[in-house]
Amino acid sequence: MRFKFEIKIRSTIVSFFLKKIKSQRGATLLELIISFIILGIALPAVILMIGHMGIDHGVNESIYHAVCYANEKMEEIVAFKKMNNDSAIWTNTITDFAGTEILADGSQRTVTVVNINNWINEGPVVRDAYQVDVSVVPPVGPSYSVSVIFAVNE
């Protein structure tokens, strides 16, 4: 019973306002001026938001590509390490990865290889290592880098 009562009250209120709206013939000059002021304030803000969404998308896409390019090179180096786990091959050729290259989208990828002597020195165990840094500087947006240390005598 209560449910029907609430529906009846709501429908009565809605019909009252509908009758009130139907009885008016048009908007007053004051209502038109106020609506234009509200549109004048809101419209530029909406247009700026839409413009920034496009710019942000471009920067995010650039960051995504930078991360992919850096990880791609690091995966190549890790796969090379797994295939050539012999210390002589590894230590003689790891520096071949060092260098700078310009990628298809204009990003610059730089690989640096640094030898770390006596990385672990635990009594009779002395291990050297190589620190490999891959950094990508995209044409737009911030740069991205990834760094890994590879032990040689494992």
C-alpha atoms as a PDB file:
ATOM      1  CA  MET A   1       0.000   0.000   0.000  1.00  0.00           C
ATOM      2  CA  ARG A   2       2.828   2.340   0.829  1.00  0.00           C
ATOM      3  CA  PHE A   3       4.406   1.778  -2.589  1.00  0.00           C
ATOM      4  CA  LYS A   4       1.257   2.870  -4.415  1.00  0.00           C
ATOM      5  CA  PHE A   5       1.004   5.900  -2.178  1.00  0.00           C
ATOM      6  CA  GLU A   6       4.594   7.014  -3.025  1.00  0.00           C
ATOM      7  CA  ILE A   7       3.978   6.565  -6.739  1.00  0.00           C
ATOM      8  CA  LYS A   8       0.775   8.579  -6.505  1.00  0.00           C
ATOM      9  CA  ILE A   9       2.527  11.451  -4.676  1.00  0.00           C
ATOM     10  CA  ARG A  10       5.420  11.484  -7.139  1.00  0.00           C
ATOM     11  CA  SER A  11       3.140  11.405 -10.160  1.00  0.00           C
ATOM     12  CA  THR A  12       1.093  14.268  -8.670  1.00  0.00           C
ATOM     13  CA  ILE A  13       4.229  16.370  -8.147  1.00  0.00           C
ATOM     14  CA  VAL A  14       5.492  15.633 -11.664  1.00  0.00           C
ATOM     15  CA  SER A  15       2.125  16.477 -13.227  1.00  0.00           C
ATOM     16  CA  PHE A  16       2.021  19.754 -11.261  1.00  0.00           C
ATOM     17  CA  PHE A  17       5.399  20.832 -12.671  1.00  0.00           C
ATOM     18  CA  LEU A  18       4.485  19.679 -16.169  1.00  0.00           C
ATOM     19  CA  LYS A  19       1.340  21.805 -16.072  1.00  0.00           C
ATOM     20  CA  LYS A  20       3.403  24.744 -14.827  1.00  0.00           C
ATOM     21  CA  ILE A  21       5.928  24.322 -17.655  1.00  0.00           C
ATOM     22  CA  LYS A  22       3.203  23.942 -20.302  1.00  0.00           C
ATOM     23  CA  SER A  23       1.504  27.130 -19.126  1.00  0.00           C
ATOM     24  CA  GLN A  24       4.646  29.198 -19.838  1.00  0.00           C
ATOM     25  CA  ARG A  25       4.964  30.386 -23.429  1.00  0.00           C
ATOM     26  CA  GLY A  26       8.727  31.116 -23.554  1.00  0.00           C
ATOM     27  CA  ALA A  27      11.836  32.022 -21.610  1.00  0.00           C
ATOM     28  CA  THR A  28      12.341  35.457 -20.145  1.00  0.00           C
ATOM     29  CA  LEU A  29      15.239  37.641 -21.167  1.00  0.00           C
ATOM     30  CA  LEU A  30      16.884  37.130 -17.782  1.00  0.00           C
ATOM     31  CA  GLU A  31      16.762  33.331 -18.171  1.00  0.00           C
ATOM     32  CA  LEU A  32      18.345  33.584 -21.627  1.00  0.00           C
ATOM     33  CA  ILE A  33      21.142  35.852 -20.375  1.00  0.00           C
ATOM     34  CA  ILE A  34      21.895  33.524 -17.467  1.00  0.00           C
ATOM     35  CA  SER A  35      21.967  30.474 -19.741  1.00  0.00           C
ATOM     36  CA  PHE A  36      24.390  32.221 -22.128  1.00  0.00           C
ATOM     37  CA  ILE A  37      26.652  33.165 -19.215  1.00  0.00           C
ATOM     38  CA  ILE A  38      26.691  29.554 -17.983  1.00  0.00           C
ATOM     39  CA  LEU A  39      27.475  28.314 -21.501  1.00  0.00           C
ATOM     40  CA  GLY A  40      30.184  30.960 -21.880  1.00  0.00           C
ATOM     41  CA  ILE A  41      31.888  29.743 -18.719  1.00  0.00           C
ATOM     42  CA  ALA A  42      31.469  26.003 -19.273  1.00  0.00           C
ATOM     43  CA  LEU A  43      32.165  25.715 -23.012  1.00  0.00           C
ATOM     44  CA  PRO A  44      35.818  26.915 -23.017  1.00  0.00           C
ATOM     45  CA  ALA A  45      36.604  24.582 -20.127  1.00  0.00           C
ATOM     46  CA  VAL A  46      35.149  21.621 -22.024  1.00  0.00           C
ATOM     47  CA  ILE A  47      37.042  22.572 -25.193  1.00  0.00           C
ATOM     48  CA  LEU A  48      40.325  22.828 -23.246  1.00  0.00           C
ATOM     49  CA  MET A  49      39.722  19.427 -21.641  1.00  0.00           C
ATOM     50  CA  ILE A  50      39.173  17.832 -25.039  1.00  0.00           C
ATOM     51  CA  GLY A  51      42.359  19.434 -26.369  1.00  0.00           C
ATOM     52  CA  HIS A  52      44.418  18.229 -23.412  1.00  0.00           C
ATOM     53  CA  MET A  53      43.060  14.713 -23.788  1.00  0.00           C
ATOM     54  CA  GLY A  54      44.612  14.540 -27.251  1.00  0.00           C
ATOM     55  CA  ILE A  55      47.954  15.873 -26.016  1.00  0.00           C
ATOM     56  CA  ASP A  56      47.983  13.500 -23.035  1.00  0.00           C
ATOM     57  CA  HIS A  57      47.207  10.582 -25.326  1.00  0.00           C
ATOM     58  CA  GLY A  58      50.217  11.433 -27.486  1.00  0.00           C
ATOM     59  CA  VAL A  59      52.531  11.637 -24.466  1.00  0.00           C
ATOM     60  CA  ASN A  60      51.189   8.374 -23.025  1.00  0.00           C
ATOM     61  CA  GLU A  61      51.647   6.627 -26.353  1.00  0.00           C
ATOM     62  CA  SER A  62      55.213   7.943 -26.521  1.00  0.00           C
ATOM     63  CA  ILE A  63      55.956   6.656 -23.017  1.00  0.00           C
ATOM     64  CA  TYR A  64      54.474   3.271 -23.919  1.00  0.00           C
ATOM     65  CA  HIS A  65      56.723   3.006 -26.987  1.00  0.00           C
ATOM     66  CA  ALA A  66      59.779   4.042 -24.950  1.00  0.00           C
ATOM     67  CA  VAL A  67      59.087   1.297 -22.400  1.00  0.00           C
ATOM     68  CA  CYS A  68      58.604  -1.265 -25.176  1.00  0.00           C
ATOM     69  CA  TYR A  69      61.829  -0.253 -26.960  1.00  0.00           C
ATOM     70  CA  ALA A  70      63.882  -0.424 -23.752  1.00  0.00           C
ATOM     71  CA  ASN A  71      62.424  -3.774 -22.711  1.00  0.00           C
ATOM     72  CA  GLU A  72      62.882  -5.177 -26.222  1.00  0.00           C
ATOM     73  CA  LYS A  73      66.621  -4.427 -26.149  1.00  0.00           C
ATOM     74  CA  MET A  74      67.002  -5.733 -22.603  1.00  0.00           C
ATOM     75  CA  GLU A  75      65.217  -8.978 -23.560  1.00  0.00           C
ATOM     76  CA  GLU A  76      67.617  -9.334 -26.488  1.00  0.00           C
ATOM     77  CA  ILE A  77      70.588  -8.956 -24.117  1.00  0.00           C
ATOM     78  CA  VAL A  78      69.131 -11.413 -21.580  1.00  0.00           C
ATOM     79  CA  ALA A  79      68.503 -13.977 -24.331  1.00  0.00           C
ATOM     80  CA  PHE A  80      72.096 -13.512 -25.514  1.00  0.00           C
ATOM     81  CA  LYS A  81      73.342 -14.107 -21.950  1.00  0.00           C
ATOM     82  CA  LYS A  82      71.286 -17.310 -21.648  1.00  0.00           C
ATOM     83  CA  MET A  83      72.493 -18.648 -25.008  1.00  0.00           C
ATOM     84  CA  ASN A  84      76.167 -17.803 -24.338  1.00  0.00           C
ATOM     85  CA  ASN A  85      76.602 -18.539 -20.669  1.00  0.00           C
ATOM     86  CA  ASP A  86      80.270 -19.348 -21.290  1.00  0.00           C
ATOM     87  CA  SER A  87      82.229 -16.571 -19.567  1.00  0.00           C
ATOM     88  CA  ALA A  88      84.687 -16.044 -22.437  1.00  0.00           C
ATOM     89  CA  ILE A  89      82.005 -15.528 -25.088  1.00  0.00           C
ATOM     90  CA  TRP A  90      79.884 -13.418 -22.780  1.00  0.00           C
ATOM     91  CA  THR A  91      82.639 -11.084 -21.593  1.00  0.00           C
ATOM     92  CA  ASN A  92      84.147 -10.624 -25.072  1.00  0.00           C
ATOM     93  CA  THR A  93      80.885  -9.760 -26.834  1.00  0.00           C
ATOM     94  CA  ILE A  94      78.651  -8.012 -24.285  1.00  0.00           C
ATOM     95  CA  THR A  95      80.181  -4.647 -25.161  1.00  0.00           C
ATOM     96  CA  ASP A  96      78.946  -5.098 -28.747  1.00  0.00           C
ATOM     97  CA  PHE A  97      75.497  -4.108 -27.483  1.00  0.00           C
ATOM     98  CA  ALA A  98      76.736  -0.676 -26.363  1.00  0.00           C
ATOM     99  CA  GLY A  99      75.845   2.217 -28.609  1.00  0.00           C
ATOM    100  CA  THR A 100      73.156   4.616 -29.712  1.00  0.00           C
ATOM    101  CA  GLU A 101      70.559   4.069 -32.399  1.00  0.00           C
ATOM    102  CA  ILE A 102      67.700   6.109 -33.819  1.00  0.00           C
ATOM    103  CA  LEU A 103      64.480   4.106 -34.034  1.00  0.00           C
ATOM    104  CA  ALA A 104      61.699   4.281 -36.632  1.00  0.00           C
ATOM    105  CA  ASP A 105      59.555   6.779 -34.706  1.00  0.00           C
ATOM    106  CA  GLY A 106      62.468   9.127 -34.013  1.00  0.00           C
ATOM    107  CA  SER A 107      63.221   7.816 -30.522  1.00  0.00           C
ATOM    108  CA  GLN A 108      66.850   7.498 -29.501  1.00  0.00           C
ATOM    109  CA  ARG A 109      67.874   4.267 -27.740  1.00  0.00           C
ATOM    110  CA  THR A 110      71.192   4.217 -25.896  1.00  0.00           C
ATOM    111  CA  VAL A 111      72.787   1.105 -24.426  1.00  0.00           C
ATOM    112  CA  THR A 112      75.702   1.435 -22.021  1.00  0.00           C
ATOM    113  CA  VAL A 113      77.688  -1.504 -20.691  1.00  0.00           C
ATOM    114  CA  VAL A 114      79.901  -1.003 -17.641  1.00  0.00           C
ATOM    115  CA  ASN A 115      82.245  -3.645 -16.239  1.00  0.00           C
ATOM    116  CA  ILE A 116      82.080  -3.924 -12.438  1.00  0.00           C
ATOM    117  CA  ASN A 117      85.251  -5.581 -11.114  1.00  0.00           C
ATOM    118  CA  ASN A 118      84.985  -7.516  -7.824  1.00  0.00           C
ATOM    119  CA  TRP A 119      81.234  -7.075  -7.710  1.00  0.00           C
ATOM    120  CA  ILE A 120      80.978  -9.850  -5.119  1.00  0.00           C
ATOM    121  CA  ASN A 121      84.066 -10.532  -3.025  1.00  0.00           C
ATOM    122  CA  GLU A 122      83.289 -13.270  -0.512  1.00  0.00           C
ATOM    123  CA  GLY A 123      86.596 -14.877   0.456  1.00  0.00           C
ATOM    124  CA  PRO A 124      87.588 -17.277  -2.292  1.00  0.00           C
ATOM    125  CA  VAL A 125      84.622 -16.282  -4.474  1.00  0.00           C
ATOM    126  CA  VAL A 126      85.234 -13.194  -6.579  1.00  0.00           C
ATOM    127  CA  ARG A 127      82.664 -12.331  -9.203  1.00  0.00           C
ATOM    128  CA  ASP A 128      82.785  -9.668 -11.826  1.00  0.00           C
ATOM    129  CA  ALA A 129      79.623  -8.237 -13.311  1.00  0.00           C
ATOM    130  CA  TYR A 130      78.352  -6.040 -16.093  1.00  0.00           C
ATOM    131  CA  GLN A 131      75.798  -3.328 -15.578  1.00  0.00           C
ATOM    132  CA  VAL A 132      73.691  -2.823 -18.671  1.00  0.00           C
ATOM    133  CA  ASP A 133      71.594   0.342 -18.947  1.00  0.00           C
ATOM    134  CA  VAL A 134      69.091   0.819 -21.747  1.00  0.00           C
ATOM    135  CA  SER A 135      67.563   4.284 -22.030  1.00  0.00           C
ATOM    136  CA  VAL A 136      65.083   5.537 -24.602  1.00  0.00           C
ATOM    137  CA  VAL A 137      64.407   9.207 -25.285  1.00  0.00           C
ATOM    138  CA  PRO A 138      61.189   9.580 -27.293  1.00  0.00           C
ATOM    139  CA  PRO A 139      60.473  12.608 -29.495  1.00  0.00           C
ATOM    140  CA  VAL A 140      57.695  13.684 -27.090  1.00  0.00           C
ATOM    141  CA  GLY A 141      57.432  12.959 -23.386  1.00  0.00           C
ATOM    142  CA  PRO A 142      59.835  11.798 -20.702  1.00  0.00           C
ATOM    143  CA  SER A 143      62.666   9.333 -21.227  1.00  0.00           C
ATOM    144  CA  TYR A 144      62.627   5.792 -19.865  1.00  0.00           C
ATOM    145  CA  SER A 145      65.506   3.587 -18.767  1.00  0.00           C
ATOM    146  CA  VAL A 146      65.983   0.097 -17.429  1.00  0.00           C
ATOM    147  CA  SER A 147      69.103  -1.252 -15.757  1.00  0.00           C
ATOM    148  CA  VAL A 148      70.247  -4.815 -15.012  1.00  0.00           C
ATOM    149  CA  ILE A 149      73.431  -6.201 -13.442  1.00  0.00           C
ATOM    150  CA  PHE A 150      74.662  -9.507 -14.880  1.00  0.00           C
ATOM    151  CA  ALA A 151      77.119 -11.586 -12.888  1.00  0.00           C
ATOM    152  CA  VAL A 152      79.854 -13.119 -15.034  1.00  0.00           C
ATOM    153  CA  ASN A 153      81.262 -16.074 -13.067  1.00  0.00           C
ATOM    154  CA  GLU A 154      78.086 -17.907 -12.097  1.00  0.00           C
END
